[in-house]
Amino acid sequence: MATQRELSDFLASVERRAFRQATYAIRDEEGALDIVQDSMMKLAEKYGDRPAEEFPMLFQRILQNGIRDHHRRHKVRSLWTTLFSALSPKDEEDFDLLESLAVENTSKLAGTPDGRLEQAQVLALIESEIRKLPPRQREAFLMRYWEEMDVAETALAMGCSEGSVKTHCSRATHALATALKAKGVSL
């Protein structure tokens, strides 16, 4: 059984990555923050007494369910908004608010200012391309390569087979590589 300290340390270690993952999924920083906070609270309230090694998988499952719930709520709201917008005047122009995350220098590999700038630009480009992936591919890719979960954990968290996880990751990786290569980035 995990201690309070282990739970606290785990939550502190995943908060940034979870926020970024939720932001990519719903494209709204405030909503993403709410989802991450709710996920952390649910983990602490319902599963805080579980062994610490179960936290990553449980948290990812809770986070992904929160993201899916957000999409479902948004879809229903969008339906009603669309229906009622036909009755309202078109004074305001609709726009899609896509805010980008600040890219931090998390590596000591880029020691020179121009190296850090180039690294930041490549990371921003990668993040942009990740946002364009289909939701399931993005989810699998982020869990496998950013959260460093294995195939079985990812499959359990996503509620699908291990083969589906491998397929989603492969497609995401190929799509990212193609998009980055088209923009002149070779990794």
Protein backbone atom coordinates (compact mmCIF):
# COMPACT_ATOMS: atom_id res chain seq x y z
CA MET A 1 0.00 0.00 0.00
CA ALA A 2 1.30 3.43 -0.94
CA THR A 3 2.08 6.13 1.57
CA GLN A 4 0.88 9.72 1.32
CA ARG A 5 4.41 10.73 0.35
CA GLU A 6 4.55 8.21 -2.51
CA LEU A 7 1.20 9.44 -3.82
CA SER A 8 2.31 13.06 -3.55
CA ASP A 9 5.62 12.36 -5.29
CA PHE A 10 3.86 10.48 -8.08
CA LEU A 11 1.38 13.30 -8.69
CA ALA A 12 4.15 15.89 -8.71
CA SER A 13 6.10 13.82 -11.22
CA VAL A 14 3.24 13.49 -13.73
CA GLU A 15 1.44 16.82 -13.51
CA ARG A 16 3.27 18.60 -16.36
CA ARG A 17 3.14 15.68 -18.77
CA ALA A 18 -0.52 15.06 -17.94
CA PHE A 19 -1.32 18.74 -18.51
CA ARG A 20 0.45 18.70 -21.86
CA GLN A 21 -1.28 15.47 -22.86
CA ALA A 22 -4.71 16.85 -21.93
CA THR A 23 -3.96 20.14 -23.72
CA TYR A 24 -3.07 18.26 -26.91
CA ALA A 25 -6.25 16.23 -26.64
CA ILE A 26 -8.77 19.01 -26.00
CA ARG A 27 -6.88 22.09 -27.23
CA ASP A 28 -7.93 24.21 -24.26
CA GLU A 29 -5.49 24.94 -21.43
CA GLU A 30 -8.13 25.78 -18.83
CA GLY A 31 -10.16 22.68 -19.60
CA ALA A 32 -6.99 20.58 -19.61
CA LEU A 33 -6.03 21.92 -16.20
CA ASP A 34 -9.48 21.01 -14.86
CA ILE A 35 -9.21 17.49 -16.28
CA VAL A 36 -5.76 16.95 -14.77
CA GLN A 37 -6.82 18.27 -11.37
CA ASP A 38 -9.95 16.12 -11.38
CA SER A 39 -7.89 13.08 -12.39
CA MET A 40 -5.43 13.68 -9.58
CA MET A 41 -8.24 14.05 -7.07
CA LYS A 42 -9.92 10.84 -8.25
CA LEU A 43 -6.66 8.93 -8.03
CA ALA A 44 -6.04 10.18 -4.51
CA GLU A 45 -9.61 9.62 -3.31
CA LYS A 46 -10.38 6.27 -4.90
CA TYR A 47 -7.02 4.61 -5.40
CA GLY A 48 -4.65 6.30 -2.94
CA ASP A 49 -4.44 3.12 -0.88
CA ARG A 50 -3.22 1.02 -3.82
CA PRO A 51 0.45 0.06 -4.30
CA ALA A 52 2.56 2.86 -5.79
CA GLU A 53 3.50 0.79 -8.86
CA GLU A 54 -0.17 0.79 -9.94
CA PHE A 55 -0.42 4.62 -9.95
CA PRO A 56 0.87 5.25 -13.51
CA MET A 57 -1.61 2.91 -15.16
CA LEU A 58 -4.53 3.98 -12.96
CA PHE A 59 -3.78 7.65 -13.47
CA GLN A 60 -3.57 7.30 -17.25
CA ARG A 61 -6.89 5.47 -17.32
CA ILE A 62 -8.54 8.17 -15.18
CA LEU A 63 -6.99 10.94 -17.30
CA GLN A 64 -8.09 9.37 -20.59
CA ASN A 65 -11.62 8.86 -19.25
CA GLY A 66 -11.69 12.53 -18.25
CA ILE A 67 -10.60 13.56 -21.74
CA ARG A 68 -13.26 11.34 -23.32
CA ASP A 69 -15.91 12.75 -20.98
CA HIS A 70 -14.87 16.26 -21.98
CA HIS A 71 -15.24 15.38 -25.67
CA ARG A 72 -18.68 13.87 -25.06
CA ARG A 73 -19.86 16.97 -23.16
CA HIS A 74 -18.40 19.22 -25.84
CA LYS A 75 -20.17 17.27 -28.58
CA VAL A 76 -23.55 17.66 -26.85
CA ARG A 77 -22.97 21.37 -26.20
CA SER A 78 -21.84 21.84 -29.78
CA LEU A 79 -25.02 20.21 -31.05
CA TRP A 80 -27.22 22.55 -29.04
CA THR A 81 -25.10 25.58 -29.87
CA THR A 82 -25.33 24.77 -33.56
CA LEU A 83 -29.08 24.36 -33.37
CA PHE A 84 -29.58 27.65 -31.52
CA SER A 85 -27.01 29.60 -33.53
CA ALA A 86 -29.26 29.39 -36.57
CA LEU A 87 -31.77 31.48 -34.62
CA SER A 88 -29.30 34.11 -33.39
CA PRO A 89 -27.79 37.03 -35.33
CA LYS A 90 -24.33 36.50 -36.82
CA ASP A 91 -22.68 39.57 -35.27
CA GLU A 92 -19.59 37.73 -34.03
CA GLU A 93 -17.20 35.75 -36.13
CA ASP A 94 -16.44 32.25 -34.83
CA PHE A 95 -12.83 31.37 -34.32
CA ASP A 96 -10.81 28.40 -33.19
CA LEU A 97 -8.53 29.27 -30.30
CA LEU A 98 -5.37 27.21 -30.49
CA GLU A 99 -2.90 28.26 -27.89
CA SER A 100 0.58 26.84 -28.00
CA LEU A 101 2.54 25.75 -25.00
CA ALA A 102 5.84 27.38 -24.18
CA VAL A 103 8.66 25.04 -25.01
CA GLU A 104 11.14 24.63 -22.20
CA ASN A 105 14.76 23.66 -22.60
CA THR A 106 14.67 20.33 -20.81
CA SER A 107 17.93 19.01 -22.21
CA LYS A 108 21.51 19.98 -21.48
CA LEU A 109 22.51 18.82 -24.96
CA ALA A 110 21.93 22.21 -26.55
CA GLY A 111 24.68 24.25 -24.92
CA THR A 112 24.79 27.20 -27.28
CA PRO A 113 22.07 29.81 -27.74
CA ASP A 114 21.56 28.87 -31.38
CA GLY A 115 21.44 25.18 -30.40
CA ARG A 116 18.78 25.91 -27.79
CA LEU A 117 16.81 27.97 -30.30
CA GLU A 118 16.96 25.19 -32.88
CA GLN A 119 15.93 22.62 -30.26
CA ALA A 120 13.00 24.79 -29.15
CA GLN A 121 11.86 25.22 -32.76
CA VAL A 122 12.04 21.49 -33.46
CA LEU A 123 10.13 20.69 -30.26
CA ALA A 124 7.47 23.26 -31.13
CA LEU A 125 7.15 21.70 -34.59
CA ILE A 126 6.86 18.20 -33.10
CA GLU A 127 4.20 19.38 -30.64
CA SER A 128 2.30 21.01 -33.49
CA GLU A 129 2.35 17.79 -35.51
CA ILE A 130 1.30 15.72 -32.47
CA ARG A 131 -1.78 17.94 -32.12
CA LYS A 132 -2.76 17.03 -35.69
CA LEU A 133 -2.76 13.27 -35.06
CA PRO A 134 -6.10 11.47 -34.73
CA PRO A 135 -7.10 11.16 -31.03
CA ARG A 136 -6.39 7.44 -30.58
CA GLN A 137 -3.02 7.67 -32.34
CA ARG A 138 -2.08 10.70 -30.26
CA GLU A 139 -3.18 8.95 -27.06
CA ALA A 140 -1.18 5.80 -27.82
CA PHE A 141 1.88 7.77 -28.94
CA LEU A 142 1.93 9.98 -25.84
CA MET A 143 1.47 7.07 -23.44
CA ARG A 144 4.11 4.89 -25.09
CA TYR A 145 6.80 7.44 -25.86
CA TRP A 146 6.24 10.36 -23.50
CA GLU A 147 4.84 8.51 -20.51
CA GLU A 148 7.12 5.54 -21.25
CA MET A 149 4.39 3.01 -20.57
CA ASP A 150 4.81 -0.45 -22.06
CA VAL A 151 2.40 -1.89 -24.62
CA ALA A 152 0.38 -3.86 -22.05
CA GLU A 153 -0.06 -0.87 -19.73
CA THR A 154 -1.04 1.36 -22.63
CA ALA A 155 -3.56 -1.19 -23.89
CA LEU A 156 -5.10 -1.47 -20.45
CA ALA A 157 -5.24 2.30 -20.01
CA MET A 158 -6.77 2.80 -23.48
CA GLY A 159 -9.17 -0.12 -23.15
CA CYS A 160 -8.00 -1.83 -26.33
CA SER A 161 -5.79 -4.73 -27.42
CA GLU A 162 -2.00 -4.63 -27.47
CA GLY A 163 -2.12 -5.03 -31.25
CA SER A 164 -4.25 -1.89 -31.51
CA VAL A 165 -1.72 0.03 -29.42
CA LYS A 166 1.08 -1.10 -31.72
CA THR A 167 -0.93 -0.13 -34.79
CA HIS A 168 -1.82 3.31 -33.40
CA CYS A 169 1.81 3.95 -32.39
CA SER A 170 3.15 2.82 -35.75
CA ARG A 171 0.73 5.02 -37.67
CA ALA A 172 1.45 7.99 -35.40
CA THR A 173 5.21 7.54 -35.76
CA HIS A 174 4.99 7.29 -39.55
CA ALA A 175 2.70 10.31 -39.77
CA LEU A 176 5.02 12.38 -37.57
CA ALA A 177 8.12 11.29 -39.47
CA THR A 178 6.50 12.12 -42.81
CA ALA A 179 5.29 15.52 -41.63
CA LEU A 180 8.63 16.43 -40.08
CA LYS A 181 10.57 15.24 -43.12
CA ALA A 182 8.33 17.37 -45.35
CA LYS A 183 9.31 20.37 -43.22
CA GLY A 184 13.02 19.59 -43.45
CA VAL A 185 13.52 18.06 -39.99
CA SER A 186 15.54 14.89 -39.79
CA LEU A 187 15.79 13.26 -36.38
